[in-house]
Amino acid sequence: MTDKPVFTHRIATEADTDAIVGLMKASIAENMKGFLTPEEIVAAQETMGLDTTLLEDGTYFVIEAEKDGKTVMAGCGGWGKRKTLYGGNHTKGRNDAYADPAKDAARIRAMYTHPDWTRQGVGTLLLELGENAARAAGFKSIELGSTVPGEPLYRARGYKEVSRETQIAANGHVNTIILMRKAL
């Protein structure tokens, strides 16, 4: 029997950028395999990645744990107070205008777990951190653009599907984005 890992969290900084991008790449490459074909994983990458406005806004978290006597990044993710629903700096169709908490939903954004730390509570912790921060900022609801692999976690945490969009990526394969919402 192994001990449950102890996770800590902090707000990500620009100095974390390279480590975050590395974790994202590892997560995409490994954690999507049970849900998507290799071609669909490549297609999904068109709408995944780091959005540096999250770092600028101080709404992006790093989850850390101890492994072999070192502190390692186990996950990353956060929430957005801008209207962009998903994607990295490279994603088409971004809207970086700030959302109005009185009428708009906050966004859960760019959640990734390192393959060594899946199914140990990293995603749940990231959701709780983002939801609590959005609630404290005055938002009454929260939305996210889920990938197919992320959908089971979000459903388990009370998110409901609003719509499902399929896009044809540059490689000709389908990328599915599921709009999900939850009251705060």
N, C-alpha and C. Protein backbone atom coordinates (compact mmCIF):
# COMPACT_ATOMS: atom_id res chain seq x y z
N MET A 1 0.84 -1.17 0.00
CA MET A 1 0.00 0.00 0.00
C MET A 1 0.89 1.24 0.00
N THR A 2 0.59 2.18 -0.89
CA THR A 2 1.38 3.40 -0.95
C THR A 2 0.63 4.54 -0.28
N ASP A 3 1.38 5.48 0.21
CA ASP A 3 0.78 6.66 0.82
C ASP A 3 0.21 7.55 -0.26
N LYS A 4 -0.88 8.22 0.08
CA LYS A 4 -1.47 9.18 -0.85
C LYS A 4 -0.53 10.36 -0.97
N PRO A 5 -0.28 10.84 -2.18
CA PRO A 5 0.65 11.96 -2.35
C PRO A 5 0.11 13.24 -1.71
N VAL A 6 1.01 14.07 -1.27
CA VAL A 6 0.67 15.37 -0.73
C VAL A 6 0.97 16.40 -1.82
N PHE A 7 -0.05 17.12 -2.21
CA PHE A 7 0.10 18.12 -3.24
C PHE A 7 0.09 19.51 -2.63
N THR A 8 0.91 20.37 -3.18
CA THR A 8 0.87 21.79 -2.85
C THR A 8 0.54 22.53 -4.13
N HIS A 9 0.13 23.77 -3.98
CA HIS A 9 -0.19 24.56 -5.16
C HIS A 9 0.31 25.99 -4.98
N ARG A 10 0.51 26.62 -6.10
CA ARG A 10 0.91 28.02 -6.12
C ARG A 10 0.49 28.62 -7.45
N ILE A 11 0.49 29.94 -7.51
CA ILE A 11 0.20 30.63 -8.76
C ILE A 11 1.42 30.49 -9.68
N ALA A 12 1.18 30.13 -10.92
CA ALA A 12 2.26 29.98 -11.90
C ALA A 12 2.82 31.36 -12.26
N THR A 13 4.09 31.37 -12.60
CA THR A 13 4.75 32.60 -13.04
C THR A 13 5.35 32.37 -14.43
N GLU A 14 5.79 33.43 -15.03
CA GLU A 14 6.42 33.32 -16.34
C GLU A 14 7.63 32.39 -16.30
N ALA A 15 8.32 32.33 -15.16
CA ALA A 15 9.49 31.44 -15.03
C ALA A 15 9.11 29.97 -15.14
N ASP A 16 7.83 29.64 -14.97
CA ASP A 16 7.35 28.26 -15.07
C ASP A 16 7.03 27.85 -16.50
N THR A 17 7.09 28.76 -17.44
CA THR A 17 6.60 28.51 -18.80
C THR A 17 7.17 27.24 -19.42
N ASP A 18 8.47 27.07 -19.41
CA ASP A 18 9.06 25.90 -20.06
C ASP A 18 8.60 24.60 -19.39
N ALA A 19 8.54 24.58 -18.07
CA ALA A 19 8.09 23.37 -17.35
C ALA A 19 6.61 23.09 -17.64
N ILE A 20 5.80 24.14 -17.71
CA ILE A 20 4.38 23.96 -18.01
C ILE A 20 4.21 23.39 -19.41
N VAL A 21 4.90 23.95 -20.39
CA VAL A 21 4.80 23.46 -21.76
C VAL A 21 5.25 22.00 -21.84
N GLY A 22 6.32 21.64 -21.14
CA GLY A 22 6.78 20.25 -21.11
C GLY A 22 5.75 19.32 -20.50
N LEU A 23 5.12 19.76 -19.40
CA LEU A 23 4.08 18.94 -18.77
C LEU A 23 2.89 18.79 -19.72
N MET A 24 2.49 19.87 -20.38
CA MET A 24 1.38 19.80 -21.33
C MET A 24 1.65 18.79 -22.43
N LYS A 25 2.84 18.84 -22.99
CA LYS A 25 3.20 17.91 -24.07
C LYS A 25 3.15 16.46 -23.58
N ALA A 26 3.69 16.20 -22.39
CA ALA A 26 3.67 14.84 -21.84
C ALA A 26 2.24 14.38 -21.58
N SER A 27 1.42 15.27 -21.04
CA SER A 27 0.03 14.94 -20.75
C SER A 27 -0.74 14.62 -22.03
N ILE A 28 -0.59 15.46 -23.03
CA ILE A 28 -1.29 15.24 -24.30
C ILE A 28 -0.84 13.92 -24.93
N ALA A 29 0.46 13.68 -24.94
CA ALA A 29 1.00 12.47 -25.59
C ALA A 29 0.55 11.19 -24.91
N GLU A 30 0.46 11.18 -23.60
CA GLU A 30 0.15 9.94 -22.88
C GLU A 30 -1.29 9.82 -22.41
N ASN A 31 -1.83 10.87 -21.84
CA ASN A 31 -3.13 10.77 -21.17
C ASN A 31 -4.32 10.69 -22.11
N MET A 32 -4.12 11.00 -23.37
CA MET A 32 -5.22 10.94 -24.33
C MET A 32 -5.29 9.61 -25.07
N LYS A 33 -4.27 8.79 -24.91
CA LYS A 33 -4.17 7.54 -25.69
C LYS A 33 -5.37 6.61 -25.52
N GLY A 34 -5.95 6.54 -24.37
CA GLY A 34 -7.08 5.64 -24.16
C GLY A 34 -8.39 6.13 -24.74
N PHE A 35 -8.38 7.36 -25.25
CA PHE A 35 -9.61 7.98 -25.73
C PHE A 35 -9.59 8.35 -27.21
N LEU A 36 -8.40 8.67 -27.72
CA LEU A 36 -8.28 9.19 -29.07
C LEU A 36 -7.22 8.41 -29.86
N THR A 37 -7.38 8.39 -31.17
CA THR A 37 -6.36 7.80 -32.04
C THR A 37 -5.16 8.75 -32.08
N PRO A 38 -4.00 8.27 -32.51
CA PRO A 38 -2.85 9.18 -32.65
C PRO A 38 -3.15 10.40 -33.54
N GLU A 39 -3.91 10.19 -34.59
CA GLU A 39 -4.26 11.29 -35.49
C GLU A 39 -5.20 12.29 -34.80
N GLU A 40 -6.11 11.79 -33.99
CA GLU A 40 -7.02 12.68 -33.26
C GLU A 40 -6.27 13.47 -32.18
N ILE A 41 -5.24 12.87 -31.60
CA ILE A 41 -4.42 13.60 -30.62
C ILE A 41 -3.72 14.76 -31.30
N VAL A 42 -3.18 14.53 -32.49
CA VAL A 42 -2.55 15.62 -33.26
C VAL A 42 -3.59 16.70 -33.57
N ALA A 43 -4.79 16.29 -33.94
CA ALA A 43 -5.86 17.25 -34.24
C ALA A 43 -6.20 18.09 -33.01
N ALA A 44 -6.26 17.45 -31.85
CA ALA A 44 -6.60 18.16 -30.61
C ALA A 44 -5.56 19.21 -30.25
N GLN A 45 -4.33 19.00 -30.65
CA GLN A 45 -3.27 19.94 -30.32
C GLN A 45 -3.48 21.32 -30.95
N GLU A 46 -4.32 21.40 -31.96
CA GLU A 46 -4.60 22.71 -32.56
C GLU A 46 -5.35 23.62 -31.59
N THR A 47 -6.03 23.04 -30.62
CA THR A 47 -6.81 23.84 -29.67
C THR A 47 -6.31 23.68 -28.24
N MET A 48 -5.11 23.16 -28.07
CA MET A 48 -4.57 22.96 -26.73
C MET A 48 -3.25 23.71 -26.61
N GLY A 49 -2.88 24.01 -25.37
CA GLY A 49 -1.59 24.64 -25.14
C GLY A 49 -1.68 25.78 -24.15
N LEU A 50 -0.57 26.44 -23.96
CA LEU A 50 -0.46 27.49 -22.97
C LEU A 50 -1.02 28.81 -23.50
N ASP A 51 -1.88 29.40 -22.71
CA ASP A 51 -2.42 30.74 -22.95
C ASP A 51 -1.74 31.64 -21.92
N THR A 52 -0.81 32.46 -22.36
CA THR A 52 -0.03 33.26 -21.41
C THR A 52 -0.85 34.35 -20.72
N THR A 53 -2.06 34.65 -21.21
CA THR A 53 -2.89 35.61 -20.47
C THR A 53 -3.26 35.06 -19.10
N LEU A 54 -3.33 33.74 -18.97
CA LEU A 54 -3.62 33.13 -17.67
C LEU A 54 -2.49 33.41 -16.68
N LEU A 55 -1.26 33.37 -17.17
CA LEU A 55 -0.11 33.71 -16.31
C LEU A 55 -0.14 35.20 -15.97
N GLU A 56 -0.40 36.02 -16.96
CA GLU A 56 -0.46 37.47 -16.75
C GLU A 56 -1.54 37.84 -15.73
N ASP A 57 -2.66 37.16 -15.80
CA ASP A 57 -3.79 37.47 -14.91
C ASP A 57 -3.64 36.84 -13.51
N GLY A 58 -2.65 35.97 -13.34
CA GLY A 58 -2.48 35.31 -12.03
C GLY A 58 -3.58 34.32 -11.71
N THR A 59 -4.12 33.68 -12.76
CA THR A 59 -5.22 32.73 -12.58
C THR A 59 -4.83 31.30 -12.94
N TYR A 60 -3.54 31.05 -13.05
CA TYR A 60 -3.06 29.73 -13.45
C TYR A 60 -2.24 29.13 -12.31
N PHE A 61 -2.53 27.88 -12.00
CA PHE A 61 -1.91 27.20 -10.87
C PHE A 61 -0.93 26.12 -11.31
N VAL A 62 0.05 25.90 -10.48
CA VAL A 62 0.97 24.78 -10.60
C VAL A 62 0.72 23.90 -9.39
N ILE A 63 0.56 22.60 -9.63
CA ILE A 63 0.43 21.62 -8.56
C ILE A 63 1.76 20.89 -8.45
N GLU A 64 2.29 20.83 -7.25
CA GLU A 64 3.59 20.19 -7.04
C GLU A 64 3.48 19.06 -6.02
N ALA A 65 4.42 18.14 -6.13
CA ALA A 65 4.51 17.00 -5.20
C ALA A 65 5.98 16.64 -5.06
N GLU A 66 6.26 15.84 -4.06
CA GLU A 66 7.62 15.35 -3.84
C GLU A 66 7.77 13.99 -4.51
N LYS A 67 8.87 13.83 -5.24
CA LYS A 67 9.17 12.56 -5.87
C LYS A 67 10.69 12.37 -5.82
N ASP A 68 11.11 11.28 -5.21
CA ASP A 68 12.54 10.98 -5.10
C ASP A 68 13.32 12.14 -4.49
N GLY A 69 12.72 12.77 -3.48
CA GLY A 69 13.40 13.85 -2.78
C GLY A 69 13.41 15.19 -3.49
N LYS A 70 12.70 15.28 -4.62
CA LYS A 70 12.66 16.53 -5.37
C LYS A 70 11.21 17.00 -5.51
N THR A 71 11.04 18.30 -5.61
CA THR A 71 9.73 18.86 -5.90
C THR A 71 9.53 18.84 -7.40
N VAL A 72 8.42 18.22 -7.84
CA VAL A 72 8.13 18.11 -9.27
C VAL A 72 6.74 18.68 -9.56
N MET A 73 6.56 19.10 -10.80
CA MET A 73 5.26 19.61 -11.24
C MET A 73 4.37 18.41 -11.60
N ALA A 74 3.29 18.25 -10.86
CA ALA A 74 2.37 17.14 -11.09
C ALA A 74 1.20 17.54 -11.98
N GLY A 75 0.92 18.82 -12.04
CA GLY A 75 -0.19 19.29 -12.85
C GLY A 75 -0.19 20.79 -12.96
N CYS A 76 -1.03 21.28 -13.85
CA CYS A 76 -1.19 22.72 -14.02
C CYS A 76 -2.57 22.97 -14.61
N GLY A 77 -3.09 24.12 -14.32
CA GLY A 77 -4.40 24.49 -14.83
C GLY A 77 -4.92 25.68 -14.05
N GLY A 78 -6.02 26.22 -14.50
CA GLY A 78 -6.53 27.37 -13.79
C GLY A 78 -7.89 27.80 -14.28
N TRP A 79 -8.13 29.06 -14.10
CA TRP A 79 -9.41 29.62 -14.48
C TRP A 79 -9.14 30.92 -15.23
N GLY A 80 -10.09 31.29 -16.06
CA GLY A 80 -9.94 32.50 -16.83
C GLY A 80 -11.07 33.47 -16.55
N LYS A 81 -10.71 34.74 -16.49
CA LYS A 81 -11.71 35.79 -16.35
C LYS A 81 -11.90 36.53 -17.67
N ARG A 82 -11.35 35.94 -18.72
CA ARG A 82 -11.53 36.47 -20.07
C ARG A 82 -12.55 35.59 -20.81
N LYS A 83 -13.01 36.05 -21.94
CA LYS A 83 -14.06 35.34 -22.67
C LYS A 83 -13.56 34.14 -23.47
N THR A 84 -12.25 34.03 -23.68
CA THR A 84 -11.72 32.86 -24.40
C THR A 84 -12.07 31.60 -23.62
N LEU A 85 -12.68 30.63 -24.30
CA LEU A 85 -13.12 29.41 -23.64
C LEU A 85 -12.01 28.37 -23.52
N TYR A 86 -11.17 28.25 -24.53
CA TYR A 86 -10.15 27.21 -24.53
C TYR A 86 -9.02 27.61 -25.46
N GLY A 87 -7.92 26.90 -25.36
CA GLY A 87 -6.84 27.03 -26.32
C GLY A 87 -5.64 27.78 -25.81
N GLY A 88 -4.58 27.65 -26.60
CA GLY A 88 -3.34 28.33 -26.30
C GLY A 88 -3.21 29.62 -27.09
N ASN A 89 -2.06 30.24 -26.97
CA ASN A 89 -1.80 31.49 -27.69
C ASN A 89 -2.03 31.35 -29.19
N HIS A 90 -1.81 30.15 -29.71
CA HIS A 90 -1.90 29.91 -31.16
C HIS A 90 -3.31 29.60 -31.65
N THR A 91 -4.27 29.40 -30.75
CA THR A 91 -5.60 28.95 -31.13
C THR A 91 -6.38 30.07 -31.81
N LYS A 92 -7.00 29.73 -32.91
CA LYS A 92 -7.82 30.69 -33.67
C LYS A 92 -9.10 30.99 -32.89
N GLY A 93 -9.64 32.20 -33.10
CA GLY A 93 -10.94 32.57 -32.54
C GLY A 93 -10.91 33.03 -31.10
N ARG A 94 -9.77 33.44 -30.59
CA ARG A 94 -9.66 33.88 -29.21
C ARG A 94 -10.41 35.20 -28.99
N ASN A 95 -10.91 35.39 -27.78
CA ASN A 95 -11.52 36.65 -27.38
C ASN A 95 -10.95 36.99 -26.01
N ASP A 96 -9.96 37.86 -25.97
CA ASP A 96 -9.27 38.17 -24.72
C ASP A 96 -9.92 39.30 -23.93
N ALA A 97 -11.13 39.71 -24.32
CA ALA A 97 -11.86 40.70 -23.53
C ALA A 97 -12.21 40.08 -22.17
N TYR A 98 -12.24 40.91 -21.15
CA TYR A 98 -12.59 40.41 -19.82
C TYR A 98 -14.08 40.10 -19.74
N ALA A 99 -14.40 39.02 -19.06
CA ALA A 99 -15.79 38.63 -18.82
C ALA A 99 -16.35 39.51 -17.70
N ASP A 100 -17.65 39.72 -17.72
CA ASP A 100 -18.35 40.47 -16.68
C ASP A 100 -18.96 39.47 -15.71
N PRO A 101 -18.48 39.42 -14.46
CA PRO A 101 -18.99 38.43 -13.51
C PRO A 101 -20.50 38.50 -13.30
N ALA A 102 -21.10 39.65 -13.55
CA ALA A 102 -22.55 39.80 -13.36
C ALA A 102 -23.35 39.07 -14.42
N LYS A 103 -22.75 38.85 -15.60
CA LYS A 103 -23.54 38.21 -16.66
C LYS A 103 -22.81 37.09 -17.40
N ASP A 104 -21.50 37.03 -17.29
CA ASP A 104 -20.72 36.02 -18.01
C ASP A 104 -20.23 34.93 -17.05
N ALA A 105 -19.90 33.80 -17.62
CA ALA A 105 -19.30 32.71 -16.85
C ALA A 105 -17.79 32.87 -16.82
N ALA A 106 -17.18 32.46 -15.73
CA ALA A 106 -15.72 32.31 -15.68
C ALA A 106 -15.39 31.06 -16.49
N ARG A 107 -14.12 30.81 -16.71
CA ARG A 107 -13.69 29.66 -17.51
C ARG A 107 -12.69 28.81 -16.74
N ILE A 108 -12.86 27.51 -16.78
CA ILE A 108 -11.79 26.60 -16.36
C ILE A 108 -10.91 26.43 -17.58
N ARG A 109 -9.59 26.55 -17.41
CA ARG A 109 -8.72 26.59 -18.56
C ARG A 109 -7.50 25.70 -18.41
N ALA A 110 -7.10 25.11 -19.51
CA ALA A 110 -5.79 24.48 -19.70
C ALA A 110 -5.35 23.57 -18.55
N MET A 111 -6.18 22.59 -18.25
CA MET A 111 -5.86 21.65 -17.18
C MET A 111 -5.09 20.45 -17.73
N TYR A 112 -3.96 20.16 -17.11
CA TYR A 112 -3.11 19.05 -17.54
C TYR A 112 -2.53 18.37 -16.31
N THR A 113 -2.47 17.06 -16.36
CA THR A 113 -1.83 16.27 -15.30
C THR A 113 -0.67 15.50 -15.91
N HIS A 114 0.47 15.54 -15.25
CA HIS A 114 1.61 14.76 -15.72
C HIS A 114 1.23 13.28 -15.68
N PRO A 115 1.63 12.48 -16.67
CA PRO A 115 1.26 11.06 -16.70
C PRO A 115 1.63 10.28 -15.43
N ASP A 116 2.66 10.68 -14.72
CA ASP A 116 3.05 10.00 -13.48
C ASP A 116 2.06 10.24 -12.33
N TRP A 117 1.16 11.21 -12.49
CA TRP A 117 0.29 11.62 -11.38
C TRP A 117 -1.19 11.51 -11.70
N THR A 118 -1.57 10.79 -12.76
CA THR A 118 -2.99 10.66 -13.10
C THR A 118 -3.74 9.87 -12.04
N ARG A 119 -5.03 10.18 -11.93
CA ARG A 119 -5.97 9.48 -11.04
C ARG A 119 -5.54 9.53 -9.57
N GLN A 120 -4.91 10.65 -9.21
CA GLN A 120 -4.50 10.83 -7.81
C GLN A 120 -5.06 12.12 -7.21
N GLY A 121 -5.97 12.78 -7.92
CA GLY A 121 -6.63 13.96 -7.37
C GLY A 121 -6.13 15.30 -7.89
N VAL A 122 -5.20 15.30 -8.83
CA VAL A 122 -4.67 16.55 -9.36
C VAL A 122 -5.77 17.35 -10.07
N GLY A 123 -6.53 16.70 -10.94
CA GLY A 123 -7.59 17.38 -11.68
C GLY A 123 -8.65 17.95 -10.76
N THR A 124 -9.05 17.18 -9.77
CA THR A 124 -10.05 17.64 -8.81
C THR A 124 -9.53 18.85 -8.04
N LEU A 125 -8.28 18.80 -7.61
CA LEU A 125 -7.69 19.94 -6.91
C LEU A 125 -7.67 21.18 -7.80
N LEU A 126 -7.28 21.02 -9.05
CA LEU A 126 -7.27 22.16 -9.97
C LEU A 126 -8.66 22.75 -10.15
N LEU A 127 -9.67 21.89 -10.29
CA LEU A 127 -11.04 22.38 -10.42
C LEU A 127 -11.47 23.16 -9.18
N GLU A 128 -11.18 22.62 -8.01
CA GLU A 128 -11.56 23.29 -6.77
C GLU A 128 -10.88 24.65 -6.65
N LEU A 129 -9.60 24.71 -6.97
CA LEU A 129 -8.87 25.98 -6.91
C LEU A 129 -9.48 27.01 -7.87
N GLY A 130 -9.73 26.60 -9.10
CA GLY A 130 -10.30 27.50 -10.09
C GLY A 130 -11.70 27.95 -9.73
N GLU A 131 -12.53 27.01 -9.32
CA GLU A 131 -13.91 27.35 -8.95
C GLU A 131 -13.94 28.30 -7.76
N ASN A 132 -13.14 28.03 -6.75
CA ASN A 132 -13.12 28.89 -5.56
C ASN A 132 -12.63 30.30 -5.90
N ALA A 133 -11.61 30.40 -6.74
CA ALA A 133 -11.09 31.71 -7.12
C ALA A 133 -12.11 32.48 -7.96
N ALA A 134 -12.78 31.79 -8.88
CA ALA A 134 -13.80 32.44 -9.71
C ALA A 134 -14.98 32.90 -8.85
N ARG A 135 -15.38 32.08 -7.91
CA ARG A 135 -16.46 32.44 -6.99
C ARG A 135 -16.07 33.69 -6.18
N ALA A 136 -14.83 33.71 -5.69
CA ALA A 136 -14.35 34.85 -4.91
C ALA A 136 -14.29 36.12 -5.76
N ALA A 137 -14.11 35.97 -7.08
CA ALA A 137 -14.07 37.11 -7.99
C ALA A 137 -15.47 37.57 -8.40
N GLY A 138 -16.51 36.91 -7.88
CA GLY A 138 -17.88 37.34 -8.13
C GLY A 138 -18.62 36.60 -9.22
N PHE A 139 -18.00 35.60 -9.83
CA PHE A 139 -18.69 34.84 -10.88
C PHE A 139 -19.71 33.89 -10.26
N LYS A 140 -20.82 33.71 -10.97
CA LYS A 140 -21.91 32.85 -10.50
C LYS A 140 -21.96 31.51 -11.23
N SER A 141 -21.24 31.43 -12.35
CA SER A 141 -21.18 30.18 -13.10
C SER A 141 -19.80 30.07 -13.74
N ILE A 142 -19.51 28.84 -14.17
CA ILE A 142 -18.20 28.59 -14.76
C ILE A 142 -18.38 27.61 -15.92
N GLU A 143 -17.61 27.81 -16.98
CA GLU A 143 -17.69 26.97 -18.17
C GLU A 143 -16.31 26.47 -18.52
N LEU A 144 -16.30 25.46 -19.39
CA LEU A 144 -15.03 24.95 -19.91
C LEU A 144 -15.27 24.31 -21.25
N GLY A 145 -14.21 24.23 -22.02
CA GLY A 145 -14.21 23.52 -23.29
C GLY A 145 -13.44 22.24 -23.08
N SER A 146 -14.14 21.15 -22.92
CA SER A 146 -13.52 19.87 -22.60
C SER A 146 -13.11 19.09 -23.84
N THR A 147 -12.02 18.37 -23.71
CA THR A 147 -11.68 17.34 -24.68
C THR A 147 -12.47 16.09 -24.32
N VAL A 148 -12.49 15.12 -25.20
CA VAL A 148 -13.16 13.85 -24.89
C VAL A 148 -12.52 13.18 -23.66
N PRO A 149 -11.18 13.15 -23.53
CA PRO A 149 -10.58 12.54 -22.34
C PRO A 149 -10.91 13.26 -21.04
N GLY A 150 -11.15 14.56 -21.08
CA GLY A 150 -11.46 15.31 -19.86
C GLY A 150 -12.89 15.20 -19.40
N GLU A 151 -13.78 14.82 -20.30
CA GLU A 151 -15.21 14.82 -20.02
C GLU A 151 -15.60 14.00 -18.77
N PRO A 152 -15.07 12.79 -18.55
CA PRO A 152 -15.50 12.04 -17.36
C PRO A 152 -15.21 12.77 -16.04
N LEU A 153 -14.05 13.41 -15.93
CA LEU A 153 -13.74 14.16 -14.71
C LEU A 153 -14.73 15.30 -14.52
N TYR A 154 -14.98 16.06 -15.55
CA TYR A 154 -15.85 17.21 -15.41
C TYR A 154 -17.28 16.79 -15.08
N ARG A 155 -17.76 15.73 -15.69
CA ARG A 155 -19.10 15.22 -15.35
C ARG A 155 -19.16 14.80 -13.88
N ALA A 156 -18.12 14.11 -13.43
CA ALA A 156 -18.07 13.65 -12.03
C ALA A 156 -18.06 14.83 -11.06
N ARG A 157 -17.58 15.98 -11.51
CA ARG A 157 -17.48 17.17 -10.65
C ARG A 157 -18.65 18.13 -10.86
N GLY A 158 -19.72 17.65 -11.52
CA GLY A 158 -20.96 18.42 -11.61
C GLY A 158 -21.14 19.29 -12.83
N TYR A 159 -20.25 19.19 -13.80
CA TYR A 159 -20.40 19.98 -15.02
C TYR A 159 -21.38 19.27 -15.94
N LYS A 160 -22.21 20.06 -16.62
CA LYS A 160 -23.22 19.53 -17.55
C LYS A 160 -22.89 19.99 -18.97
N GLU A 161 -23.06 19.07 -19.90
CA GLU A 161 -22.81 19.41 -21.30
C GLU A 161 -23.85 20.40 -21.80
N VAL A 162 -23.37 21.45 -22.48
CA VAL A 162 -24.22 22.44 -23.11
C VAL A 162 -24.28 22.19 -24.61
N SER A 163 -23.12 21.92 -25.19
CA SER A 163 -23.05 21.64 -26.62
C SER A 163 -21.76 20.90 -26.93
N ARG A 164 -21.72 20.34 -28.12
CA ARG A 164 -20.56 19.57 -28.59
C ARG A 164 -20.24 20.04 -29.99
N GLU A 165 -19.00 20.45 -30.19
CA GLU A 165 -18.56 20.97 -31.49
C GLU A 165 -17.46 20.07 -32.03
N THR A 166 -17.55 19.75 -33.29
CA THR A 166 -16.45 19.02 -33.93
C THR A 166 -15.84 19.93 -34.98
N GLN A 167 -14.53 19.94 -34.99
CA GLN A 167 -13.77 20.71 -35.95
C GLN A 167 -12.91 19.73 -36.74
N ILE A 168 -12.68 20.05 -37.98
CA ILE A 168 -11.75 19.25 -38.79
C ILE A 168 -10.40 19.97 -38.73
N ALA A 169 -9.42 19.27 -38.20
CA ALA A 169 -8.09 19.84 -38.01
C ALA A 169 -7.33 19.83 -39.34
N ALA A 170 -6.18 20.46 -39.32
CA ALA A 170 -5.33 20.55 -40.52
C ALA A 170 -4.95 19.17 -41.05
N ASN A 171 -4.88 18.16 -40.16
CA ASN A 171 -4.52 16.82 -40.61
C ASN A 171 -5.74 16.03 -41.11
N GLY A 172 -6.91 16.68 -41.16
CA GLY A 172 -8.12 16.04 -41.68
C GLY A 172 -8.90 15.23 -40.66
N HIS A 173 -8.45 15.19 -39.43
CA HIS A 173 -9.13 14.41 -38.39
C HIS A 173 -9.97 15.32 -37.49
N VAL A 174 -10.92 14.69 -36.82
CA VAL A 174 -11.87 15.42 -35.99
C VAL A 174 -11.25 15.78 -34.63
N ASN A 175 -11.55 17.01 -34.20
CA ASN A 175 -11.23 17.48 -32.86
C ASN A 175 -12.57 17.87 -32.23
N THR A 176 -12.91 17.22 -31.13
CA THR A 176 -14.18 17.47 -30.46
C THR A 176 -13.95 18.34 -29.23
N ILE A 177 -14.77 19.39 -29.12
CA ILE A 177 -14.74 20.28 -27.96
C ILE A 177 -16.13 20.29 -27.37
N ILE A 178 -16.21 19.98 -26.07
CA ILE A 178 -17.48 19.87 -25.38
C ILE A 178 -17.62 21.07 -24.44
N LEU A 179 -18.59 21.94 -24.71
CA LEU A 179 -18.87 23.06 -23.83
C LEU A 179 -19.64 22.52 -22.64
N MET A 180 -19.10 22.75 -21.43
CA MET A 180 -19.74 22.28 -20.21
C MET A 180 -19.85 23.45 -19.23
N ARG A 181 -20.88 23.42 -18.39
CA ARG A 181 -21.16 24.53 -17.49
C ARG A 181 -21.55 24.00 -16.11
N LYS A 182 -21.29 24.84 -15.12
CA LYS A 182 -21.63 24.52 -13.73
C LYS A 182 -21.94 25.82 -12.99
N ALA A 183 -22.96 25.80 -12.15
CA ALA A 183 -23.24 26.94 -11.29
C ALA A 183 -22.23 26.93 -10.15
N LEU A 184 -21.83 28.12 -9.73
CA LEU A 184 -20.89 28.22 -8.62
C LEU A 184 -21.62 28.46 -7.32
